[in-house]
Amino acid sequence: MKITALDIRQKTFEKSFRGVDKDEVQAFLLQLSQQWERMGDENRELRMKLDHATQDVQKMREVESSLYRTLKTAEDTGNSITEQAQRDAELRIREAQLKAEQLLADARQKARSVVDEAYKQAEKTVADMQAEVSALGQEHQRLEGVLETLVRDLQHLATDALEKVEKSRNRPKSSTAAILSRAASVKVNRPDSSSESATPMFVNTSATSSAAAVGSPAARPATVSGGGDASSVAARPASAQPGSYNPKPGQQPDPGAPAQTPGPDIRPNPAPHENPGISDPSRIYQPEPARVPDPTGPRVEPTAPDIRPVSPDHPEITQPSPSRHSASLTEKSFFDEI
């Protein structure tokens, strides 16, 4: 049964014999109701505080649980990130090691191939140089043979020239005088002009004797006394004779004029050369001295690799033995002989 302050105030008691004092009972009930009312107010206030405190506690618990969950999540996330970072680091380290090993292997392989190619190129260059030296030796021998042939030919030509000079010196001098006297006694025999037609003719601008000789149908080649014909003797231009009748071009000849006595139109040959068998020295071909080929051959640049090999901790490629090219080093070169 719930008792309130109002119930305490309105509580009535039955009257009996020798009962208590009514005023005291009323005062006590009033005081009790007041105390009860105050206790009820305090109780309500405390309940309200308790409710607020309970709500605050509940909120704090929720915050605590959320913080705990957040911390747990952060811790789990940190752990997972740390583990993932460790795994990534280990994976990257492994990949870097594998890549470095692959690069080292490729570099060593490329270095071996470059060294092998350099050795092959060197051997090929040495073989080419030896072949070129051999070809130059053969060319030198051929040029020496050509030089000897030219020297022999020059010796033969010089000997022949000296023999001709000696023959020309030993030739008698009277032959020249005989030739000159024979050339001076050359005469031209002209056929008789009485058989020619007496009809007048017109003379061209050329010489009269030459026009008559060409225009006459009975013209014959003139014979030269002393042998030979007139074609072998040099022609001399016709000149006007003093005291004779020389018609001008376009003028008819005078029939009453005395017959013309033409002079010889052919003059003798000039004096021949003293030594006709000897050629002019300016026409003799002077051979040039033979050119010796340049002994210095083309310079071959040494081949250098584009990529320098990575040197390992210990040498993996053995150096070639020096006795491999001993034969090519000890043999004499063509340039050493020169």
C-alpha atoms as a PDB file:
ATOM      1  CA  MET A   1       0.000   0.000   0.000  1.00  0.00           C
ATOM      2  CA  LYS A   2       1.394   3.326  -1.088  1.00  0.00           C
ATOM      3  CA  ILE A   3       1.116   6.126   1.469  1.00  0.00           C
ATOM      4  CA  THR A   4       1.179   9.720   0.375  1.00  0.00           C
ATOM      5  CA  ALA A   5       1.333  12.945   2.422  1.00  0.00           C
ATOM      6  CA  LEU A   6      -2.288  13.683   1.623  1.00  0.00           C
ATOM      7  CA  ASP A   7      -3.312  10.301   3.083  1.00  0.00           C
ATOM      8  CA  ILE A   8      -1.430  11.087   6.236  1.00  0.00           C
ATOM      9  CA  ARG A   9      -3.126  14.470   6.588  1.00  0.00           C
ATOM     10  CA  GLN A  10      -6.635  13.097   6.019  1.00  0.00           C
ATOM     11  CA  LYS A  11      -6.150  10.058   8.223  1.00  0.00           C
ATOM     12  CA  THR A  12      -8.887   9.845  10.915  1.00  0.00           C
ATOM     13  CA  PHE A  13      -8.989   7.697  14.009  1.00  0.00           C
ATOM     14  CA  GLU A  14     -12.036   6.373  15.858  1.00  0.00           C
ATOM     15  CA  LYS A  15     -12.696   7.722  19.224  1.00  0.00           C
ATOM     16  CA  SER A  16     -12.458   5.432  22.246  1.00  0.00           C
ATOM     17  CA  PHE A  17     -12.347   5.758  25.921  1.00  0.00           C
ATOM     18  CA  ARG A  18      -9.242   7.216  27.310  1.00  0.00           C
ATOM     19  CA  GLY A  19      -7.864   8.072  23.819  1.00  0.00           C
ATOM     20  CA  VAL A  20      -4.822  10.241  22.885  1.00  0.00           C
ATOM     21  CA  ASP A  21      -4.736  13.971  22.559  1.00  0.00           C
ATOM     22  CA  LYS A  22      -6.265  14.980  19.293  1.00  0.00           C
ATOM     23  CA  ASP A  23      -4.086  18.073  18.733  1.00  0.00           C
ATOM     24  CA  GLU A  24      -0.887  16.226  19.310  1.00  0.00           C
ATOM     25  CA  VAL A  25      -1.991  13.553  16.903  1.00  0.00           C
ATOM     26  CA  GLN A  26      -2.911  16.169  14.306  1.00  0.00           C
ATOM     27  CA  ALA A  27       0.418  17.976  14.803  1.00  0.00           C
ATOM     28  CA  PHE A  28       2.339  14.755  14.559  1.00  0.00           C
ATOM     29  CA  LEU A  29       0.472  13.721  11.421  1.00  0.00           C
ATOM     30  CA  LEU A  30       1.104  17.133   9.891  1.00  0.00           C
ATOM     31  CA  GLN A  31       4.798  16.927  10.680  1.00  0.00           C
ATOM     32  CA  LEU A  32       4.917  13.382   9.398  1.00  0.00           C
ATOM     33  CA  SER A  33       3.169  14.343   6.175  1.00  0.00           C
ATOM     34  CA  GLN A  34       5.587  17.180   5.671  1.00  0.00           C
ATOM     35  CA  GLN A  35       8.556  14.929   6.232  1.00  0.00           C
ATOM     36  CA  TRP A  36       7.075  12.348   3.966  1.00  0.00           C
ATOM     37  CA  GLU A  37       6.465  14.928   1.289  1.00  0.00           C
ATOM     38  CA  ARG A  38      10.060  16.149   1.600  1.00  0.00           C
ATOM     39  CA  MET A  39      11.341  12.593   1.431  1.00  0.00           C
ATOM     40  CA  GLY A  40       9.246  12.023  -1.665  1.00  0.00           C
ATOM     41  CA  ASP A  41      10.676  15.165  -3.287  1.00  0.00           C
ATOM     42  CA  GLU A  42      14.188  14.104  -2.421  1.00  0.00           C
ATOM     43  CA  ASN A  43      13.451  10.648  -3.659  1.00  0.00           C
ATOM     44  CA  ARG A  44      12.174  12.020  -6.956  1.00  0.00           C
ATOM     45  CA  GLU A  45      15.152  14.339  -7.247  1.00  0.00           C
ATOM     46  CA  LEU A  46      17.521  11.501  -6.511  1.00  0.00           C
ATOM     47  CA  ARG A  47      15.750   9.326  -9.005  1.00  0.00           C
ATOM     48  CA  MET A  48      16.081  12.055 -11.597  1.00  0.00           C
ATOM     49  CA  LYS A  49      19.768  12.395 -10.818  1.00  0.00           C
ATOM     50  CA  LEU A  50      20.113   8.670 -10.988  1.00  0.00           C
ATOM     51  CA  ASP A  51      18.426   8.638 -14.339  1.00  0.00           C
ATOM     52  CA  HIS A  52      20.723  11.374 -15.615  1.00  0.00           C
ATOM     53  CA  ALA A  53      23.729   9.605 -14.185  1.00  0.00           C
ATOM     54  CA  THR A  54      22.578   6.359 -15.720  1.00  0.00           C
ATOM     55  CA  GLN A  55      22.166   8.074 -19.078  1.00  0.00           C
ATOM     56  CA  ASP A  56      25.612   9.628 -18.773  1.00  0.00           C
ATOM     57  CA  VAL A  57      27.095   6.304 -17.855  1.00  0.00           C
ATOM     58  CA  GLN A  58      25.350   4.700 -20.770  1.00  0.00           C
ATOM     59  CA  LYS A  59      26.692   7.368 -23.082  1.00  0.00           C
ATOM     60  CA  MET A  60      30.160   6.987 -21.650  1.00  0.00           C
ATOM     61  CA  ARG A  61      29.940   3.268 -22.070  1.00  0.00           C
ATOM     62  CA  GLU A  62      28.874   3.722 -25.665  1.00  0.00           C
ATOM     63  CA  VAL A  63      31.739   6.155 -26.229  1.00  0.00           C
ATOM     64  CA  GLU A  64      34.078   3.766 -24.491  1.00  0.00           C
ATOM     65  CA  SER A  65      32.913   0.883 -26.614  1.00  0.00           C
ATOM     66  CA  SER A  66      33.216   2.997 -29.796  1.00  0.00           C
ATOM     67  CA  LEU A  67      36.670   4.129 -28.730  1.00  0.00           C
ATOM     68  CA  TYR A  68      37.615   0.573 -27.988  1.00  0.00           C
ATOM     69  CA  ARG A  69      36.340  -0.525 -31.344  1.00  0.00           C
ATOM     70  CA  THR A  70      38.162   2.370 -33.018  1.00  0.00           C
ATOM     71  CA  LEU A  71      41.362   1.563 -31.207  1.00  0.00           C
ATOM     72  CA  LYS A  72      40.965  -2.080 -32.040  1.00  0.00           C
ATOM     73  CA  THR A  73      40.297  -1.259 -35.664  1.00  0.00           C
ATOM     74  CA  ALA A  74      43.271   1.105 -35.754  1.00  0.00           C
ATOM     75  CA  GLU A  75      45.454  -1.495 -34.127  1.00  0.00           C
ATOM     76  CA  ASP A  76      44.303  -4.159 -36.546  1.00  0.00           C
ATOM     77  CA  THR A  77      44.746  -1.764 -39.463  1.00  0.00           C
ATOM     78  CA  GLY A  78      48.220  -0.794 -38.256  1.00  0.00           C
ATOM     79  CA  ASN A  79      49.168  -4.418 -37.844  1.00  0.00           C
ATOM     80  CA  SER A  80      47.832  -5.296 -41.289  1.00  0.00           C
ATOM     81  CA  ILE A  81      49.576  -2.272 -42.845  1.00  0.00           C
ATOM     82  CA  THR A  82      52.800  -3.202 -41.101  1.00  0.00           C
ATOM     83  CA  GLU A  83      52.545  -6.794 -42.270  1.00  0.00           C
ATOM     84  CA  GLN A  84      51.666  -5.693 -45.804  1.00  0.00           C
ATOM     85  CA  ALA A  85      54.575  -3.241 -45.799  1.00  0.00           C
ATOM     86  CA  GLN A  86      56.918  -5.966 -44.610  1.00  0.00           C
ATOM     87  CA  ARG A  87      55.656  -8.326 -47.280  1.00  0.00           C
ATOM     88  CA  ASP A  88      55.981  -5.611 -49.951  1.00  0.00           C
ATOM     89  CA  ALA A  89      59.463  -4.754 -48.747  1.00  0.00           C
ATOM     90  CA  GLU A  90      60.538  -8.388 -48.824  1.00  0.00           C
ATOM     91  CA  LEU A  91      58.972  -8.812 -52.270  1.00  0.00           C
ATOM     92  CA  ARG A  92      60.670  -5.684 -53.615  1.00  0.00           C
ATOM     93  CA  ILE A  93      63.988  -6.725 -52.126  1.00  0.00           C
ATOM     94  CA  ARG A  94      63.631 -10.119 -53.757  1.00  0.00           C
ATOM     95  CA  GLU A  95      62.683  -8.571 -57.089  1.00  0.00           C
ATOM     96  CA  ALA A  96      65.624  -6.162 -56.863  1.00  0.00           C
ATOM     97  CA  GLN A  97      67.976  -9.045 -56.112  1.00  0.00           C
ATOM     98  CA  LEU A  98      66.612 -11.066 -59.035  1.00  0.00           C
ATOM     99  CA  LYS A  99      66.826  -8.056 -61.353  1.00  0.00           C
ATOM    100  CA  ALA A 100      70.372  -7.300 -60.224  1.00  0.00           C
ATOM    101  CA  GLU A 101      71.388 -10.919 -60.780  1.00  0.00           C
ATOM    102  CA  GLN A 102      69.741 -10.850 -64.219  1.00  0.00           C
ATOM    103  CA  LEU A 103      71.506  -7.590 -65.106  1.00  0.00           C
ATOM    104  CA  LEU A 104      74.819  -8.987 -63.934  1.00  0.00           C
ATOM    105  CA  ALA A 105      74.278 -12.153 -65.961  1.00  0.00           C
ATOM    106  CA  ASP A 106      73.314 -10.132 -69.053  1.00  0.00           C
ATOM    107  CA  ALA A 107      76.276  -7.804 -68.597  1.00  0.00           C
ATOM    108  CA  ARG A 108      78.670 -10.724 -68.223  1.00  0.00           C
ATOM    109  CA  GLN A 109      77.186 -12.446 -71.264  1.00  0.00           C
ATOM    110  CA  LYS A 110      77.396  -9.246 -73.276  1.00  0.00           C
ATOM    111  CA  ALA A 111      80.954  -8.682 -72.087  1.00  0.00           C
ATOM    112  CA  ARG A 112      81.885 -12.200 -73.202  1.00  0.00           C
ATOM    113  CA  SER A 113      80.231 -11.637 -76.589  1.00  0.00           C
ATOM    114  CA  VAL A 114      81.960  -8.251 -76.984  1.00  0.00           C
ATOM    115  CA  VAL A 115      85.340  -9.737 -76.090  1.00  0.00           C
ATOM    116  CA  ASP A 116      84.793 -12.674 -78.465  1.00  0.00           C
ATOM    117  CA  GLU A 117      83.704 -10.296 -81.216  1.00  0.00           C
ATOM    118  CA  ALA A 118      86.760  -8.123 -80.541  1.00  0.00           C
ATOM    119  CA  TYR A 119      89.045 -11.162 -80.799  1.00  0.00           C
ATOM    120  CA  LYS A 120      87.334 -12.241 -84.019  1.00  0.00           C
ATOM    121  CA  GLN A 121      87.576  -8.733 -85.441  1.00  0.00           C
ATOM    122  CA  ALA A 122      91.246  -8.546 -84.476  1.00  0.00           C
ATOM    123  CA  GLU A 123      91.957 -11.905 -86.121  1.00  0.00           C
ATOM    124  CA  LYS A 124      90.036 -10.816 -89.222  1.00  0.00           C
ATOM    125  CA  THR A 125      91.918  -7.510 -89.305  1.00  0.00           C
ATOM    126  CA  VAL A 126      95.260  -9.309 -88.981  1.00  0.00           C
ATOM    127  CA  ALA A 127      94.271 -11.722 -91.761  1.00  0.00           C
ATOM    128  CA  ASP A 128      93.159  -8.824 -93.977  1.00  0.00           C
ATOM    129  CA  MET A 129      96.386  -6.957 -93.294  1.00  0.00           C
ATOM    130  CA  GLN A 130      98.426 -10.052 -94.100  1.00  0.00           C
ATOM    131  CA  ALA A 131      96.480 -10.521 -97.335  1.00  0.00           C
ATOM    132  CA  GLU A 132      96.940  -6.838 -98.169  1.00  0.00           C
ATOM    133  CA  VAL A 133     100.662  -7.055 -97.416  1.00  0.00           C
ATOM    134  CA  SER A 134     100.903 -10.117 -99.662  1.00  0.00           C
ATOM    135  CA  ALA A 135      99.009  -8.287-102.411  1.00  0.00           C
ATOM    136  CA  LEU A 136     101.277  -5.258-101.988  1.00  0.00           C
ATOM    137  CA  GLY A 137     104.314  -7.539-102.229  1.00  0.00           C
ATOM    138  CA  GLN A 138     103.000  -9.028-105.456  1.00  0.00           C
ATOM    139  CA  GLU A 139     102.224  -5.543-106.776  1.00  0.00           C
ATOM    140  CA  HIS A 140     105.726  -4.454-105.811  1.00  0.00           C
ATOM    141  CA  GLN A 141     107.218  -7.393-107.679  1.00  0.00           C
ATOM    142  CA  ARG A 142     105.042  -6.601-110.698  1.00  0.00           C
ATOM    143  CA  LEU A 143     106.081  -2.948-110.615  1.00  0.00           C
ATOM    144  CA  GLU A 144     109.717  -3.994-110.328  1.00  0.00           C
ATOM    145  CA  GLY A 145     109.232  -6.171-113.412  1.00  0.00           C
ATOM    146  CA  VAL A 146     107.578  -3.253-115.236  1.00  0.00           C
ATOM    147  CA  LEU A 147     110.446  -0.992-114.141  1.00  0.00           C
ATOM    148  CA  GLU A 148     113.023  -3.476-115.414  1.00  0.00           C
ATOM    149  CA  THR A 149     111.126  -3.758-118.706  1.00  0.00           C
ATOM    150  CA  LEU A 150     111.020   0.032-119.053  1.00  0.00           C
ATOM    151  CA  VAL A 151     114.727   0.273-118.253  1.00  0.00           C
ATOM    152  CA  ARG A 152     115.512  -2.370-120.891  1.00  0.00           C
ATOM    153  CA  ASP A 153     113.327  -0.567-123.431  1.00  0.00           C
ATOM    154  CA  LEU A 154     115.024   2.727-122.645  1.00  0.00           C
ATOM    155  CA  GLN A 155     118.413   1.078-122.971  1.00  0.00           C
ATOM    156  CA  HIS A 156     117.412  -0.371-126.358  1.00  0.00           C
ATOM    157  CA  LEU A 157     116.063   3.012-127.485  1.00  0.00           C
ATOM    158  CA  ALA A 158     119.200   4.767-126.305  1.00  0.00           C
ATOM    159  CA  THR A 159     121.376   2.173-128.051  1.00  0.00           C
ATOM    160  CA  ASP A 160     119.393   2.542-131.283  1.00  0.00           C
ATOM    161  CA  ALA A 161     119.600   6.330-131.049  1.00  0.00           C
ATOM    162  CA  LEU A 162     123.360   6.185-130.491  1.00  0.00           C
ATOM    163  CA  GLU A 163     123.767   3.815-133.440  1.00  0.00           C
ATOM    164  CA  LYS A 164     121.742   6.148-135.677  1.00  0.00           C
ATOM    165  CA  VAL A 165     123.804   9.117-134.489  1.00  0.00           C
ATOM    166  CA  GLU A 166     127.019   7.250-135.294  1.00  0.00           C
ATOM    167  CA  LYS A 167     125.666   6.261-138.711  1.00  0.00           C
ATOM    168  CA  SER A 168     124.637   9.853-139.460  1.00  0.00           C
ATOM    169  CA  ARG A 169     128.051  11.099-138.406  1.00  0.00           C
ATOM    170  CA  ASN A 170     129.820   8.511-140.544  1.00  0.00           C
ATOM    171  CA  ARG A 171     127.623   9.273-143.594  1.00  0.00           C
ATOM    172  CA  PRO A 172     129.578  11.092-146.397  1.00  0.00           C
ATOM    173  CA  LYS A 173     128.870  14.813-146.876  1.00  0.00           C
ATOM    174  CA  SER A 174     128.908  14.688-150.690  1.00  0.00           C
ATOM    175  CA  SER A 175     125.397  13.268-150.846  1.00  0.00           C
ATOM    176  CA  THR A 176     123.901  16.581-149.742  1.00  0.00           C
ATOM    177  CA  ALA A 177     125.726  18.527-152.431  1.00  0.00           C
ATOM    178  CA  ALA A 178     124.636  16.006-155.063  1.00  0.00           C
ATOM    179  CA  ILE A 179     121.025  16.350-153.981  1.00  0.00           C
ATOM    180  CA  LEU A 180     121.244  20.147-154.143  1.00  0.00           C
ATOM    181  CA  SER A 181     122.823  20.123-157.616  1.00  0.00           C
ATOM    182  CA  ARG A 182     120.249  17.673-158.847  1.00  0.00           C
ATOM    183  CA  ALA A 183     117.412  19.850-157.499  1.00  0.00           C
ATOM    184  CA  ALA A 184     118.906  22.930-159.197  1.00  0.00           C
ATOM    185  CA  SER A 185     118.956  21.208-162.602  1.00  0.00           C
ATOM    186  CA  VAL A 186     115.241  20.464-162.550  1.00  0.00           C
ATOM    187  CA  LYS A 187     113.443  21.689-165.726  1.00  0.00           C
ATOM    188  CA  VAL A 188     109.835  21.617-166.856  1.00  0.00           C
ATOM    189  CA  ASN A 189     108.972  20.563-170.431  1.00  0.00           C
ATOM    190  CA  ARG A 190     105.763  22.159-171.651  1.00  0.00           C
ATOM    191  CA  PRO A 191     103.897  20.768-174.707  1.00  0.00           C
ATOM    192  CA  ASP A 192     103.656  22.804-177.910  1.00  0.00           C
ATOM    193  CA  SER A 193     100.922  25.460-177.807  1.00  0.00           C
ATOM    194  CA  SER A 194     100.360  25.461-181.621  1.00  0.00           C
ATOM    195  CA  SER A 195      97.879  22.626-181.362  1.00  0.00           C
ATOM    196  CA  GLU A 196      95.669  24.601-179.054  1.00  0.00           C
ATOM    197  CA  SER A 197      92.638  26.497-180.369  1.00  0.00           C
ATOM    198  CA  ALA A 198      93.179  30.079-181.462  1.00  0.00           C
ATOM    199  CA  THR A 199      89.848  31.184-180.115  1.00  0.00           C
ATOM    200  CA  PRO A 200      90.073  33.944-177.567  1.00  0.00           C
ATOM    201  CA  MET A 201      89.433  33.062-173.973  1.00  0.00           C
ATOM    202  CA  PHE A 202      88.803  34.968-170.835  1.00  0.00           C
ATOM    203  CA  VAL A 203      91.365  34.655-168.063  1.00  0.00           C
ATOM    204  CA  ASN A 204      90.177  34.246-164.452  1.00  0.00           C
ATOM    205  CA  THR A 205      91.674  35.836-161.385  1.00  0.00           C
ATOM    206  CA  SER A 206      94.121  32.954-160.929  1.00  0.00           C
ATOM    207  CA  ALA A 207      97.576  32.744-162.480  1.00  0.00           C
ATOM    208  CA  THR A 208      97.638  32.506-166.296  1.00  0.00           C
ATOM    209  CA  SER A 209      99.839  29.474-166.489  1.00  0.00           C
ATOM    210  CA  SER A 210      97.792  27.534-163.946  1.00  0.00           C
ATOM    211  CA  ALA A 211      94.494  28.377-165.730  1.00  0.00           C
ATOM    212  CA  ALA A 212      95.897  27.268-169.064  1.00  0.00           C
ATOM    213  CA  ALA A 213      97.185  24.048-167.593  1.00  0.00           C
ATOM    214  CA  VAL A 214      93.858  23.198-165.951  1.00  0.00           C
ATOM    215  CA  GLY A 215      91.495  24.425-168.729  1.00  0.00           C
ATOM    216  CA  SER A 216      93.330  22.760-171.641  1.00  0.00           C
ATOM    217  CA  PRO A 217      91.781  19.409-172.592  1.00  0.00           C
ATOM    218  CA  ALA A 218      95.170  18.158-173.832  1.00  0.00           C
ATOM    219  CA  ALA A 219      96.982  18.983-170.638  1.00  0.00           C
ATOM    220  CA  ARG A 220      99.407  16.308-169.553  1.00  0.00           C
ATOM    221  CA  PRO A 221     101.412  15.958-166.395  1.00  0.00           C
ATOM    222  CA  ALA A 222     104.679  17.769-166.698  1.00  0.00           C
ATOM    223  CA  THR A 223     107.785  15.674-166.579  1.00  0.00           C
ATOM    224  CA  VAL A 224     110.791  16.749-164.616  1.00  0.00           C
ATOM    225  CA  SER A 225     114.202  16.173-166.081  1.00  0.00           C
ATOM    226  CA  GLY A 226     116.395  14.282-163.727  1.00  0.00           C
ATOM    227  CA  GLY A 227     113.734  11.789-162.649  1.00  0.00           C
ATOM    228  CA  GLY A 228     110.371  12.000-160.900  1.00  0.00           C
ATOM    229  CA  ASP A 229     107.287  13.977-161.775  1.00  0.00           C
ATOM    230  CA  ALA A 230     106.112  17.474-160.962  1.00  0.00           C
ATOM    231  CA  SER A 231     103.859  16.309-158.083  1.00  0.00           C
ATOM    232  CA  SER A 232     106.889  15.420-155.980  1.00  0.00           C
ATOM    233  CA  VAL A 233     108.316  18.903-156.281  1.00  0.00           C
ATOM    234  CA  ALA A 234     106.887  21.838-154.307  1.00  0.00           C
ATOM    235  CA  ALA A 235     104.844  24.284-156.428  1.00  0.00           C
ATOM    236  CA  ARG A 236     105.973  27.859-156.790  1.00  0.00           C
ATOM    237  CA  PRO A 237     103.469  30.688-157.415  1.00  0.00           C
ATOM    238  CA  ALA A 238     103.597  32.147-160.916  1.00  0.00           C
ATOM    239  CA  SER A 239     104.923  35.671-161.192  1.00  0.00           C
ATOM    240  CA  ALA A 240     104.670  38.176-164.051  1.00  0.00           C
ATOM    241  CA  GLN A 241     107.727  38.128-166.365  1.00  0.00           C
ATOM    242  CA  PRO A 242     109.208  41.504-167.233  1.00  0.00           C
ATOM    243  CA  GLY A 243     108.874  42.447-170.895  1.00  0.00           C
ATOM    244  CA  SER A 244     106.173  39.875-171.570  1.00  0.00           C
ATOM    245  CA  TYR A 245     102.464  40.367-172.225  1.00  0.00           C
ATOM    246  CA  ASN A 246     100.436  39.723-169.118  1.00  0.00           C
ATOM    247  CA  PRO A 247      96.700  40.228-169.722  1.00  0.00           C
ATOM    248  CA  LYS A 248      94.590  41.480-166.904  1.00  0.00           C
ATOM    249  CA  PRO A 249      91.575  39.586-165.612  1.00  0.00           C
ATOM    250  CA  GLY A 250      88.653  39.967-168.055  1.00  0.00           C
ATOM    251  CA  GLN A 251      90.903  41.226-170.882  1.00  0.00           C
ATOM    252  CA  GLN A 252      91.281  39.368-174.193  1.00  0.00           C
ATOM    253  CA  PRO A 253      94.818  38.462-175.205  1.00  0.00           C
ATOM    254  CA  ASP A 254      96.403  40.378-178.051  1.00  0.00           C
ATOM    255  CA  PRO A 255      96.792  38.063-181.079  1.00  0.00           C
ATOM    256  CA  GLY A 256      99.690  40.157-182.428  1.00  0.00           C
ATOM    257  CA  ALA A 257     101.660  39.873-179.232  1.00  0.00           C
ATOM    258  CA  PRO A 258     104.581  37.489-179.178  1.00  0.00           C
ATOM    259  CA  ALA A 259     104.046  34.115-177.642  1.00  0.00           C
ATOM    260  CA  GLN A 260     104.673  33.963-173.961  1.00  0.00           C
ATOM    261  CA  THR A 261     107.534  31.893-172.732  1.00  0.00           C
ATOM    262  CA  PRO A 262     106.475  30.742-169.302  1.00  0.00           C
ATOM    263  CA  GLY A 263     109.128  30.036-166.769  1.00  0.00           C
ATOM    264  CA  PRO A 264     109.255  26.935-164.608  1.00  0.00           C
ATOM    265  CA  ASP A 265     106.405  26.962-162.098  1.00  0.00           C
ATOM    266  CA  ILE A 266     108.044  24.242-159.997  1.00  0.00           C
ATOM    267  CA  ARG A 267     110.914  24.961-157.746  1.00  0.00           C
ATOM    268  CA  PRO A 268     113.232  22.288-156.372  1.00  0.00           C
ATOM    269  CA  ASN A 269     112.795  20.768-152.974  1.00  0.00           C
ATOM    270  CA  PRO A 270     114.609  22.427-150.112  1.00  0.00           C
ATOM    271  CA  ALA A 271     117.707  20.808-148.766  1.00  0.00           C
ATOM    272  CA  PRO A 272     116.849  17.636-146.920  1.00  0.00           C
ATOM    273  CA  HIS A 273     117.751  17.046-143.328  1.00  0.00           C
ATOM    274  CA  GLU A 274     121.316  16.096-142.712  1.00  0.00           C
ATOM    275  CA  ASN A 275     120.310  12.974-140.821  1.00  0.00           C
ATOM    276  CA  PRO A 276     116.887  11.906-142.148  1.00  0.00           C
ATOM    277  CA  GLY A 277     116.853   8.717-140.080  1.00  0.00           C
ATOM    278  CA  ILE A 278     116.927  10.538-136.738  1.00  0.00           C
ATOM    279  CA  SER A 279     113.636  11.721-135.295  1.00  0.00           C
ATOM    280  CA  ASP A 280     113.092  15.051-133.635  1.00  0.00           C
ATOM    281  CA  PRO A 281     114.142  14.761-129.949  1.00  0.00           C
ATOM    282  CA  SER A 282     111.012  16.674-128.943  1.00  0.00           C
ATOM    283  CA  ARG A 283     108.845  13.900-130.450  1.00  0.00           C
ATOM    284  CA  ILE A 284     110.515  11.108-128.498  1.00  0.00           C
ATOM    285  CA  TYR A 285     108.309  10.065-125.575  1.00  0.00           C
ATOM    286  CA  GLN A 286     110.143  10.435-122.333  1.00  0.00           C
ATOM    287  CA  PRO A 287     108.763   7.862-119.865  1.00  0.00           C
ATOM    288  CA  GLU A 288     107.984   9.105-116.397  1.00  0.00           C
ATOM    289  CA  PRO A 289     109.653   7.480-113.401  1.00  0.00           C
ATOM    290  CA  ALA A 290     107.604   4.669-111.913  1.00  0.00           C
ATOM    291  CA  ARG A 291     105.817   5.524-108.713  1.00  0.00           C
ATOM    292  CA  VAL A 292     106.465   3.334-105.719  1.00  0.00           C
ATOM    293  CA  PRO A 293     103.260   2.680-103.730  1.00  0.00           C
ATOM    294  CA  ASP A 294     103.005   4.212-100.312  1.00  0.00           C
ATOM    295  CA  PRO A 295     104.154   1.549 -97.808  1.00  0.00           C
ATOM    296  CA  THR A 296     102.017   3.011 -95.046  1.00  0.00           C
ATOM    297  CA  GLY A 297      98.684   1.246 -95.327  1.00  0.00           C
ATOM    298  CA  PRO A 298      95.364   2.533 -94.016  1.00  0.00           C
ATOM    299  CA  ARG A 299      95.294   2.867 -90.262  1.00  0.00           C
ATOM    300  CA  VAL A 300      92.750   0.608 -88.603  1.00  0.00           C
ATOM    301  CA  GLU A 301      91.151   2.090 -85.505  1.00  0.00           C
ATOM    302  CA  PRO A 302      90.893  -0.357 -82.584  1.00  0.00           C
ATOM    303  CA  THR A 303      87.347  -1.338 -81.812  1.00  0.00           C
ATOM    304  CA  ALA A 304      86.025  -0.245 -78.435  1.00  0.00           C
ATOM    305  CA  PRO A 305      82.917  -1.808 -76.829  1.00  0.00           C
ATOM    306  CA  ASP A 306      79.918   0.495 -76.407  1.00  0.00           C
ATOM    307  CA  ILE A 307      79.047  -0.941 -72.987  1.00  0.00           C
ATOM    308  CA  ARG A 308      81.731  -1.469 -70.398  1.00  0.00           C
ATOM    309  CA  PRO A 309      81.341  -4.847 -68.688  1.00  0.00           C
ATOM    310  CA  VAL A 310      80.635  -4.926 -64.976  1.00  0.00           C
ATOM    311  CA  SER A 311      83.693  -6.344 -63.295  1.00  0.00           C
ATOM    312  CA  PRO A 312      82.746  -9.202 -60.922  1.00  0.00           C
ATOM    313  CA  ASP A 313      84.477 -10.029 -57.646  1.00  0.00           C
ATOM    314  CA  HIS A 314      86.654 -12.633 -59.348  1.00  0.00           C
ATOM    315  CA  PRO A 315      87.695 -12.766 -63.041  1.00  0.00           C
ATOM    316  CA  GLU A 316      85.471 -15.076 -65.068  1.00  0.00           C
ATOM    317  CA  ILE A 317      87.121 -14.588 -68.508  1.00  0.00           C
ATOM    318  CA  THR A 318      90.631 -15.904 -68.881  1.00  0.00           C
ATOM    319  CA  GLN A 319      93.075 -13.824 -70.885  1.00  0.00           C
ATOM    320  CA  PRO A 320      94.292 -15.370 -74.183  1.00  0.00           C
ATOM    321  CA  SER A 321      97.684 -17.002 -74.102  1.00  0.00           C
ATOM    322  CA  PRO A 322     100.453 -14.937 -75.799  1.00  0.00           C
ATOM    323  CA  SER A 323     101.666 -17.964 -77.777  1.00  0.00           C
ATOM    324  CA  ARG A 324      98.506 -17.893 -79.863  1.00  0.00           C
ATOM    325  CA  HIS A 325      99.834 -15.186 -82.207  1.00  0.00           C
ATOM    326  CA  SER A 326     103.542 -15.913 -81.822  1.00  0.00           C
ATOM    327  CA  ALA A 327     103.939 -16.823 -85.484  1.00  0.00           C
ATOM    328  CA  SER A 328     102.461 -13.540 -86.709  1.00  0.00           C
ATOM    329  CA  LEU A 329     104.615 -11.537 -84.270  1.00  0.00           C
ATOM    330  CA  THR A 330     107.938 -13.170 -85.136  1.00  0.00           C
ATOM    331  CA  GLU A 331     107.589 -13.131 -88.938  1.00  0.00           C
ATOM    332  CA  LYS A 332     109.001 -10.163 -90.815  1.00  0.00           C
ATOM    333  CA  SER A 333     106.693  -7.643 -92.385  1.00  0.00           C
ATOM    334  CA  PHE A 334     106.872  -6.271 -95.890  1.00  0.00           C
ATOM    335  CA  PHE A 335     107.234  -2.764 -94.482  1.00  0.00           C
ATOM    336  CA  ASP A 336     110.223  -3.853 -92.333  1.00  0.00           C
ATOM    337  CA  GLU A 337     112.041  -4.962 -95.487  1.00  0.00           C
ATOM    338  CA  ILE A 338     111.273  -1.597 -97.106  1.00  0.00           C
END
